[in-house]
Protein backbone atom coordinates (compact mmCIF):
# COMPACT_ATOMS: atom_id res chain seq x y z
CA MET A 1 -10.67 11.17 22.76
CA SER A 2 -12.70 10.02 19.80
CA ARG A 3 -11.77 6.77 18.07
CA VAL A 4 -12.82 8.15 14.68
CA ASN A 5 -10.76 11.36 14.70
CA PRO A 6 -7.30 11.27 16.29
CA THR A 7 -6.08 14.31 18.15
CA PRO A 8 -4.55 16.97 15.88
CA ALA A 9 -1.21 16.81 17.75
CA SER A 10 -0.69 13.16 16.78
CA ARG A 11 -1.70 13.63 13.14
CA GLY A 12 1.16 13.69 10.62
CA ARG A 13 3.92 12.61 13.01
CA TYR A 14 5.27 9.17 12.22
CA ASP A 15 8.57 7.50 12.92
CA GLN A 16 10.60 7.44 9.68
CA GLY A 17 11.95 3.97 10.47
CA ARG A 18 8.38 2.67 10.71
CA LEU A 19 7.37 4.43 7.47
CA MET A 20 10.26 2.79 5.61
CA GLN A 21 8.92 -0.66 6.65
CA VAL A 22 5.21 -0.04 5.94
CA LEU A 23 5.49 -0.68 2.17
CA VAL A 24 6.61 -4.29 1.70
CA ALA A 25 6.59 -4.53 -2.12
CA PRO A 26 4.86 -3.13 -5.18
CA ILE A 27 2.33 -5.46 -6.77
CA VAL A 28 2.94 -5.76 -10.51
CA SER A 29 0.15 -7.82 -12.03
CA GLU A 30 -2.28 -7.55 -14.89
CA LYS A 31 -5.00 -6.18 -12.62
CA ALA A 32 -2.67 -3.69 -10.91
CA THR A 33 -1.51 -2.41 -14.31
CA HIS A 34 -5.10 -2.02 -15.48
CA VAL A 35 -6.01 -0.06 -12.31
CA ALA A 36 -2.91 2.12 -12.74
CA ASP A 37 -3.86 3.00 -16.32
CA LYS A 38 -7.53 3.58 -15.52
CA SER A 39 -7.44 5.57 -12.27
CA ASN A 40 -3.81 6.69 -11.72
CA ALA A 41 -3.39 4.33 -8.75
CA VAL A 42 -0.47 2.10 -7.74
CA THR A 43 -0.79 -1.10 -5.72
CA PHE A 44 1.44 -2.09 -2.80
CA LYS A 45 1.70 -5.04 -0.45
CA VAL A 46 1.82 -3.48 3.03
CA LEU A 47 2.23 -4.60 6.65
CA GLN A 48 -0.82 -6.20 8.28
CA ASP A 49 -1.09 -3.47 10.94
CA ALA A 50 -0.48 -0.50 8.62
CA THR A 51 -3.10 2.27 8.67
CA LYS A 52 -4.25 4.43 5.76
CA PRO A 53 -2.52 7.61 7.06
CA GLU A 54 0.73 5.65 7.56
CA ILE A 55 0.57 4.27 4.02
CA LYS A 56 -0.07 7.75 2.61
CA ALA A 57 2.84 9.23 4.57
CA ALA A 58 5.14 6.36 3.52
CA VAL A 59 4.40 6.77 -0.21
CA GLU A 60 4.84 10.54 -0.02
CA LEU A 61 8.13 10.14 1.88
CA MET A 62 9.67 7.40 -0.27
CA PHE A 63 8.59 8.50 -3.76
CA GLY A 64 8.05 12.25 -3.39
CA VAL A 65 4.56 12.26 -4.91
CA GLN A 66 1.25 13.67 -3.66
CA VAL A 67 -1.35 11.09 -2.67
CA LYS A 68 -5.05 11.71 -3.25
CA GLY A 69 -6.40 8.68 -1.36
CA VAL A 70 -5.70 5.18 -0.05
CA SER A 71 -7.93 2.10 -0.23
CA VAL A 72 -6.99 -1.02 1.71
CA LEU A 73 -7.91 -4.63 0.98
CA ASN A 74 -7.30 -7.69 3.18
CA THR A 75 -6.98 -11.03 1.37
CA LYS A 76 -7.15 -14.22 3.41
CA GLY A 77 -4.53 -16.90 2.70
CA LYS A 78 -5.71 -20.07 0.98
CA GLN A 79 -5.35 -23.64 2.22
CA LYS A 80 -2.99 -25.41 -0.18
CA LYS A 81 -1.53 -28.87 -0.49
CA PHE A 82 2.28 -29.06 -0.43
CA GLY A 83 3.19 -32.62 -1.33
CA ARG A 84 1.42 -34.84 1.20
CA SER A 85 0.87 -32.18 3.82
CA MET A 86 -1.58 -29.30 3.97
CA GLY A 87 -0.24 -25.79 4.27
CA ARG A 88 -1.55 -22.26 4.32
CA ARG A 89 -0.53 -19.21 2.34
CA ASP A 90 0.02 -15.97 4.23
CA ASN A 91 -2.69 -13.35 4.57
CA VAL A 92 -1.99 -10.30 2.38
CA ARG A 93 -2.91 -6.65 2.92
CA LYS A 94 -2.98 -4.59 -0.29
CA ALA A 95 -3.12 -0.83 -0.58
CA TYR A 96 -4.41 0.92 -3.69
CA VAL A 97 -2.82 4.37 -3.56
CA THR A 98 -4.47 6.95 -5.83
CA LEU A 99 -2.15 9.75 -6.89
CA GLN A 100 -3.04 13.39 -7.51
CA PRO A 101 -3.58 14.34 -11.19
CA GLY A 102 -0.23 14.97 -12.89
CA GLN A 103 1.69 12.73 -10.45
CA GLU A 104 3.28 9.53 -11.74
CA LEU A 105 5.07 6.53 -10.26
CA ASN A 106 6.96 4.15 -12.55
CA PHE A 107 8.24 0.70 -11.48
CA SER A 108 9.35 -0.57 -14.90
CA GLY A 109 12.74 1.15 -14.72
CA GLU A 110 12.13 3.16 -17.88
CA THR A 111 12.72 6.87 -17.86
CA ALA A 112 9.99 9.08 -19.27
């Protein structure tokens, strides 16, 4: 079995309970809004061990939209001072999910 291409039988079959946990939270920031306007992409905080096909399947399942592609970014947590002691922020895995043309995802709560 090749590591690059999974077997066709395993492709597309994911546990729905797992898919509901893959997306942790949407990221609503100035940069994420700019990317959404420019390239029709939404940004999510996802689990550390989530794969691109899992993220795609989770977005399609939860929001009912068609996904064009997924880009993943790992951000290392910073060392920070909390009072007198040193601490560390958590590592974050972000997913930029590009939607098909004509598809839209709205987090602001406004209806179109």
